[in-house]
């Protein structure tokens, strides 16, 4: 397999990073980050609530701004990059996607659980009708063997997806896991393949490189690693590491470092480090955006958040079941005589 020497980068600071700031980005912060990423040469800039279009809700967390306000703030600062949105079928609707396109979004990532690509068919079709690039985005890929990931990737390809993503949403994979899944998808489809890493086991950059070695030509990152759980692969670190390995990204290394240090870091609520609970997300294979919900449930029921995460992993809970975290915590507290 001939490997591409150009790696396309999707920066998720303003989408996955939304989880880490409780979805409270202001319009001014969005414009500053989007403008900085654009000036640095980032090809795709993803902007929505952490759970995608229409994610602002009681279940997923209320955002400070509407989707339209966020997109308009970013679009006004972007000159060259592709404004990108995330859509989870069942949360985002056709109307949401049409609004995003009207606001200037050029690409949409249609995200489903790794076994449920079929629910994204109409959304891929809608995106194509709107003239948008469409990504098929398979979440929680550690929960399925390579052959199942391939099956679902081929479904997305058959619906017209321009790109297929393998996502380690729980930060649970090791490099060999990434190579097995990404490599199998690369061999099975004719469209470019990407990889989305979380750093819950401190493997994000290593896993991103494993994906490239397996043939991926798209990678996700976030400045300072800002994202759910222990965060994502750091965009600025990815650019530097890829350059050292001889890959091109089109991103100015100094400029992206400056965006991370001068614009993103000052507005972070806390350093994006691998603390005990995020580490347990990766260990137990739990969806990274469950972290803050778990912290709140643990405080409410006087539990160790690690115990909640282990139980969520045992039950194989997936994205969209955030409301069940409190129920799980309540049940654990009852068993221990704490409720």
Protein backbone atom coordinates (compact mmCIF):
# COMPACT_ATOMS: atom_id res chain seq x y z
CA UNK A 1 0.00 0.00 0.00
CA UNK A 2 1.40 3.37 -1.05
CA UNK A 3 1.01 5.83 1.79
CA UNK A 4 0.10 9.48 1.26
CA UNK A 5 2.63 12.03 2.46
CA UNK A 6 -0.12 14.62 2.97
CA UNK A 7 -2.31 14.33 6.05
CA UNK A 8 -5.52 16.36 6.21
CA UNK A 9 -6.28 17.78 9.64
CA UNK A 10 -9.68 18.38 11.21
CA UNK A 11 -9.49 20.58 14.30
CA UNK A 12 -12.21 19.84 16.87
CA UNK A 13 -11.34 22.46 19.50
CA UNK A 14 -14.67 24.21 18.93
CA UNK A 15 -16.71 20.98 18.99
CA UNK A 16 -15.13 18.24 21.11
CA UNK A 17 -13.48 20.99 23.15
CA UNK A 18 -16.95 22.27 23.98
CA UNK A 19 -17.31 19.37 26.44
CA UNK A 20 -14.32 20.59 28.42
CA UNK A 21 -15.80 24.07 28.89
CA UNK A 22 -19.34 22.84 29.62
CA UNK A 23 -20.42 24.15 26.18
CA UNK A 24 -19.90 27.77 27.25
CA UNK A 25 -17.79 29.15 24.39
CA UNK A 26 -18.64 32.78 23.71
CA UNK A 27 -19.01 34.24 20.23
CA UNK A 28 -15.79 36.20 20.74
CA UNK A 29 -13.86 33.08 21.75
CA UNK A 30 -15.22 31.12 18.80
CA UNK A 31 -14.26 33.88 16.36
CA UNK A 32 -10.77 34.18 17.84
CA UNK A 33 -10.08 30.43 17.75
CA UNK A 34 -11.60 29.90 14.30
CA UNK A 35 -9.69 32.87 12.91
CA UNK A 36 -6.43 31.60 14.38
CA UNK A 37 -6.93 28.09 13.05
CA UNK A 38 -7.79 29.46 9.61
CA UNK A 39 -4.70 31.67 9.55
CA UNK A 40 -2.55 28.70 10.61
CA UNK A 41 -3.78 26.71 7.61
CA UNK A 42 -6.05 24.13 9.27
CA UNK A 43 -8.15 22.57 6.52
CA UNK A 44 -11.31 21.68 8.48
CA UNK A 45 -12.62 23.53 11.55
CA UNK A 46 -15.45 21.74 13.36
CA UNK A 47 -17.93 23.92 15.26
CA UNK A 48 -21.04 22.77 17.16
CA UNK A 49 -22.17 21.75 20.60
CA UNK A 50 -20.01 18.86 21.79
CA UNK A 51 -22.79 16.44 20.88
CA UNK A 52 -23.35 18.00 17.48
CA UNK A 53 -26.13 20.05 15.94
CA UNK A 54 -29.10 20.42 18.32
CA UNK A 55 -27.05 18.88 21.13
CA UNK A 56 -27.83 21.75 23.50
CA UNK A 57 -30.35 20.17 25.87
CA UNK A 58 -30.95 19.05 29.43
CA UNK A 59 -29.62 15.60 28.59
CA UNK A 60 -26.34 16.68 26.97
CA UNK A 61 -25.79 20.08 28.59
CA UNK A 62 -27.04 23.53 27.65
CA UNK A 63 -24.79 25.62 25.43
CA UNK A 64 -24.27 29.34 25.94
CA UNK A 65 -25.05 30.01 22.26
CA UNK A 66 -27.36 28.50 19.67
CA UNK A 67 -25.87 26.45 16.83
CA UNK A 68 -26.61 29.30 14.47
CA UNK A 69 -24.85 31.84 16.68
CA UNK A 70 -21.79 29.59 16.97
CA UNK A 71 -21.60 28.94 13.24
CA UNK A 72 -22.03 32.57 12.32
CA UNK A 73 -19.29 33.59 14.76
CA UNK A 74 -16.91 31.05 13.21
CA UNK A 75 -17.91 31.73 9.61
CA UNK A 76 -17.20 35.43 10.01
CA UNK A 77 -13.60 34.65 10.96
CA UNK A 78 -12.86 31.92 8.39
CA UNK A 79 -11.40 32.86 5.02
CA UNK A 80 -10.00 29.60 3.61
CA UNK A 81 -10.80 26.66 5.90
CA UNK A 82 -13.83 24.40 5.59
CA UNK A 83 -16.35 25.14 8.32
CA UNK A 84 -17.49 21.71 9.50
CA UNK A 85 -20.31 20.45 11.71
CA UNK A 86 -21.07 17.23 13.55
CA UNK A 87 -24.52 15.64 13.34
CA UNK A 88 -25.75 12.66 15.34
CA UNK A 89 -28.89 11.17 13.74
CA UNK A 90 -31.68 11.32 16.29
CA UNK A 91 -30.35 14.58 17.70
CA UNK A 92 -29.66 16.76 14.67
CA UNK A 93 -32.34 17.07 11.97
CA UNK A 94 -32.62 18.00 8.32
CA UNK A 95 -33.55 21.53 9.35
CA UNK A 96 -30.42 21.79 11.48
CA UNK A 97 -28.26 20.66 8.57
CA UNK A 98 -29.92 23.13 6.20
CA UNK A 99 -29.30 25.91 8.73
CA UNK A 100 -25.63 24.92 9.00
CA UNK A 101 -25.22 24.98 5.23
CA UNK A 102 -26.90 28.39 5.11
CA UNK A 103 -24.39 29.62 7.71
CA UNK A 104 -21.50 28.53 5.53
CA UNK A 105 -20.74 24.98 6.68
CA UNK A 106 -18.95 23.11 3.88
CA UNK A 107 -18.75 19.67 5.49
CA UNK A 108 -20.73 17.52 7.91
CA UNK A 109 -19.63 14.52 9.92
CA UNK A 110 -22.55 12.15 10.34
CA UNK A 111 -21.72 10.27 13.54
CA UNK A 112 -23.28 6.97 14.56
CA UNK A 113 -22.42 4.16 16.93
CA UNK A 114 -20.06 1.72 15.25
CA UNK A 115 -22.86 -0.77 14.59
CA UNK A 116 -25.49 1.74 13.42
CA UNK A 117 -24.27 3.35 10.18
CA UNK A 118 -27.65 2.60 8.61
CA UNK A 119 -29.32 5.38 10.61
CA UNK A 120 -27.05 7.90 8.87
CA UNK A 121 -28.10 7.13 5.29
CA UNK A 122 -30.59 9.96 4.86
CA UNK A 123 -28.26 12.46 6.51
CA UNK A 124 -25.43 11.63 4.11
CA UNK A 125 -27.93 12.05 1.26
CA UNK A 126 -29.11 15.40 2.62
CA UNK A 127 -25.55 16.66 2.88
CA UNK A 128 -24.81 15.75 -0.72
CA UNK A 129 -27.97 17.51 -1.92
CA UNK A 130 -26.84 20.61 -0.02
CA UNK A 131 -23.46 20.49 -1.75
CA UNK A 132 -21.59 19.61 1.43
CA UNK A 133 -18.75 17.16 1.89
CA UNK A 134 -20.02 14.20 3.93
CA UNK A 135 -18.01 12.18 6.44
CA UNK A 136 -19.28 8.86 7.77
CA UNK A 137 -18.11 8.89 11.39
CA UNK A 138 -18.15 5.58 13.28
CA UNK A 139 -17.97 6.11 17.05
CA UNK A 140 -16.81 3.73 19.79
CA UNK A 141 -14.93 1.52 17.34
CA UNK A 142 -13.21 -0.38 20.16
CA UNK A 143 -16.56 -2.09 20.76
CA UNK A 144 -16.57 -3.91 17.41
CA UNK A 145 -14.06 -6.22 15.71
CA UNK A 146 -12.37 -5.06 12.49
CA UNK A 147 -14.74 -7.01 10.25
CA UNK A 148 -17.77 -5.26 11.79
CA UNK A 149 -16.13 -1.85 11.43
CA UNK A 150 -15.48 -2.68 7.76
CA UNK A 151 -19.11 -3.71 7.25
CA UNK A 152 -20.36 -0.41 8.65
CA UNK A 153 -17.75 1.65 6.77
CA UNK A 154 -18.88 0.08 3.51
CA UNK A 155 -22.46 1.04 4.33
CA UNK A 156 -21.43 4.67 4.75
CA UNK A 157 -19.51 4.49 1.48
CA UNK A 158 -22.57 3.07 -0.29
CA UNK A 159 -24.64 6.02 0.95
CA UNK A 160 -22.24 8.44 -0.76
CA UNK A 161 -19.91 9.41 2.09
CA UNK A 162 -16.78 11.15 0.79
CA UNK A 163 -14.67 10.04 3.76
CA UNK A 164 -14.94 7.38 6.48
CA UNK A 165 -13.78 7.92 10.06
CA UNK A 166 -12.79 5.35 12.65
CA UNK A 167 -13.28 7.00 16.06
CA UNK A 168 -11.80 5.87 19.37
CA UNK A 169 -14.48 7.74 21.30
CA UNK A 170 -13.56 6.13 24.61
CA UNK A 171 -9.81 6.48 24.22
CA UNK A 172 -9.71 2.73 24.84
CA UNK A 173 -7.58 1.55 21.93
CA UNK A 174 -3.90 0.70 21.79
CA UNK A 175 -1.87 1.15 18.57
CA UNK A 176 -2.39 -2.44 17.45
CA UNK A 177 -6.16 -2.02 17.83
CA UNK A 178 -6.04 1.11 15.68
CA UNK A 179 -3.92 -0.54 12.99
CA UNK A 180 -6.25 -3.52 12.80
CA UNK A 181 -9.41 -1.45 12.35
CA UNK A 182 -8.07 1.42 10.26
CA UNK A 183 -6.02 -0.91 8.07
CA UNK A 184 -9.03 -3.14 7.42
CA UNK A 185 -11.21 -0.16 6.46
CA UNK A 186 -8.50 1.33 4.21
CA UNK A 187 -8.31 -1.96 2.31
CA UNK A 188 -12.10 -2.29 2.04
CA UNK A 189 -13.23 1.15 0.82
CA UNK A 190 -12.26 3.42 -2.05
CA UNK A 191 -12.68 6.71 -0.17
CA UNK A 192 -10.13 8.31 2.20
CA UNK A 193 -10.13 7.12 5.81
CA UNK A 194 -9.61 9.18 8.97
CA UNK A 195 -9.06 8.59 12.68
CA UNK A 196 -10.31 10.41 15.79
CA UNK A 197 -8.32 9.79 18.98
CA UNK A 198 -8.99 10.42 22.67
CA UNK A 199 -6.17 10.53 25.18
CA UNK A 200 -7.69 8.67 28.12
CA UNK A 201 -4.87 6.09 28.11
CA UNK A 202 -2.30 8.70 26.94
CA UNK A 203 -2.31 6.99 23.54
CA UNK A 204 -3.84 9.74 21.37
CA UNK A 205 -0.75 10.79 19.40
CA UNK A 206 0.63 7.26 19.21
CA UNK A 207 -2.73 5.99 17.97
CA UNK A 208 -2.96 8.80 15.40
CA UNK A 209 0.44 7.78 14.05
CA UNK A 210 -0.64 4.13 14.02
CA UNK A 211 -3.64 5.17 11.93
CA UNK A 212 -1.39 6.97 9.45
CA UNK A 213 0.85 3.93 9.24
CA UNK A 214 -2.25 1.88 8.44
CA UNK A 215 -3.19 4.22 5.60
CA UNK A 216 -5.37 6.93 7.17
CA UNK A 217 -5.04 10.31 5.47
CA UNK A 218 -7.28 12.33 7.81
CA UNK A 219 -6.61 12.97 11.49
CA UNK A 220 -8.48 14.86 14.20
CA UNK A 221 -6.87 17.07 16.78
CA UNK A 222 -7.72 19.84 19.21
CA UNK A 223 -5.53 22.66 20.42
CA UNK A 224 -4.07 21.78 23.82
CA UNK A 225 -5.94 18.50 23.40
CA UNK A 226 -9.17 20.20 24.49
CA UNK A 227 -11.95 17.63 24.40
CA UNK A 228 -14.14 15.17 26.28
CA UNK A 229 -12.52 12.91 28.84
CA UNK A 230 -8.76 13.45 28.88
CA UNK A 231 -9.12 15.23 25.55
CA UNK A 232 -8.05 14.60 21.99
CA UNK A 233 -4.72 14.38 20.23
CA UNK A 234 -3.18 17.86 20.37
CA UNK A 235 -3.36 19.55 16.98
CA UNK A 236 -0.12 21.45 17.51
CA UNK A 237 1.70 18.29 18.62
CA UNK A 238 0.35 16.32 15.65
CA UNK A 239 1.64 18.97 13.26
CA UNK A 240 5.11 18.86 14.81
CA UNK A 241 5.32 15.07 14.98
CA UNK A 242 4.03 14.62 11.44
CA UNK A 243 6.58 17.14 10.15
CA UNK A 244 9.38 15.24 11.90
CA UNK A 245 8.22 12.09 10.11
CA UNK A 246 8.20 13.81 6.72
CA UNK A 247 4.44 14.27 6.32
CA UNK A 248 2.86 17.50 5.15
CA UNK A 249 -0.29 19.00 6.68
CA UNK A 250 -0.44 22.48 5.21
CA UNK A 251 -0.45 23.86 8.76
CA UNK A 252 2.13 26.39 9.97
CA UNK A 253 3.73 24.84 13.05
CA UNK A 254 4.54 28.12 14.79
CA UNK A 255 1.12 29.60 14.10
CA UNK A 256 -0.80 26.60 15.40
CA UNK A 257 1.34 26.57 18.55
CA UNK A 258 0.51 30.23 19.06
CA UNK A 259 -3.22 29.57 18.66
CA UNK A 260 -2.98 26.87 21.33
CA UNK A 261 -0.93 28.93 23.78
CA UNK A 262 -2.23 32.44 23.25
CA UNK A 263 -5.92 31.88 22.44
CA UNK A 264 -7.07 28.45 23.64
CA UNK A 265 -5.09 27.93 26.84
CA UNK A 266 -6.27 31.15 28.55
CA UNK A 267 -9.93 30.14 28.24
CA UNK A 268 -9.55 26.53 29.41
CA UNK A 269 -11.38 25.70 32.63
CA UNK A 270 -8.62 23.33 33.69
CA UNK A 271 -5.50 21.73 32.21
CA UNK A 272 -6.35 18.81 29.92
CA UNK A 273 -4.56 16.09 31.88
CA UNK A 274 -5.11 12.37 32.40
CA UNK A 275 -6.57 12.26 35.89
CA UNK A 276 -7.99 9.12 37.51
CA UNK A 277 -11.52 9.29 36.12
CA UNK A 278 -10.47 10.04 32.51
CA UNK A 279 -7.95 7.21 32.77
CA UNK A 280 -10.77 4.93 33.85
CA UNK A 281 -12.81 5.97 30.80
CA UNK A 282 -10.15 4.43 28.58
CA UNK A 283 -9.60 1.44 30.81
CA UNK A 284 -13.32 0.61 31.00
CA UNK A 285 -14.07 1.63 27.40
CA UNK A 286 -16.62 4.33 28.26
CA UNK A 287 -17.70 7.19 25.98
CA UNK A 288 -15.48 10.18 26.73
CA UNK A 289 -18.30 12.73 26.99
CA UNK A 290 -19.69 10.80 29.97
CA UNK A 291 -16.96 12.23 32.21
CA UNK A 292 -18.57 15.42 33.54
CA UNK A 293 -21.94 13.67 33.90
CA UNK A 294 -20.18 10.99 35.95
CA UNK A 295 -18.46 13.52 38.19
CA UNK A 296 -21.82 15.14 38.97
CA UNK A 297 -23.49 11.79 39.70
CA UNK A 298 -20.59 10.71 41.92
CA UNK A 299 -20.85 13.90 43.96
CA UNK A 300 -24.62 13.57 44.28
CA UNK A 301 -24.48 10.00 45.59
CA UNK A 302 -21.11 10.18 47.39
CA UNK A 303 -19.48 7.61 45.11
CA UNK A 304 -16.06 7.17 43.57
CA UNK A 305 -16.49 8.17 39.90
CA UNK A 306 -14.25 5.27 38.93
CA UNK A 307 -16.82 2.81 40.26
CA UNK A 308 -19.54 4.42 38.16
CA UNK A 309 -17.36 4.28 35.05
CA UNK A 310 -16.51 0.61 35.59
CA UNK A 311 -20.22 -0.16 35.82
CA UNK A 312 -20.99 1.89 32.70
CA UNK A 313 -18.31 -0.07 30.87
CA UNK A 314 -19.68 -3.37 32.16
CA UNK A 315 -23.11 -2.43 30.82
CA UNK A 316 -21.59 -1.33 27.49
CA UNK A 317 -23.30 2.05 27.66
CA UNK A 318 -22.98 4.17 24.52
CA UNK A 319 -23.39 7.79 23.48
CA UNK A 320 -26.97 8.98 23.87
CA UNK A 321 -27.43 7.24 27.22
CA UNK A 322 -26.15 10.11 29.36
CA UNK A 323 -29.45 10.24 31.25
CA UNK A 324 -28.81 6.68 32.49
CA UNK A 325 -25.65 7.66 34.36
CA UNK A 326 -27.66 9.01 37.30
CA UNK A 327 -29.70 5.79 37.38
CA UNK A 328 -26.54 3.70 37.47
CA UNK A 329 -25.10 5.84 40.27
CA UNK A 330 -28.35 5.58 42.24
CA UNK A 331 -28.34 1.80 41.91
CA UNK A 332 -24.71 1.58 43.06
CA UNK A 333 -25.47 3.81 46.03
CA UNK A 334 -28.44 1.63 46.98
CA UNK A 335 -26.29 -1.48 46.91
CA UNK A 336 -23.84 0.19 49.27
CA UNK A 337 -26.51 1.52 51.59
CA UNK A 338 -25.82 5.12 50.60
CA UNK A 339 -29.26 6.06 49.31
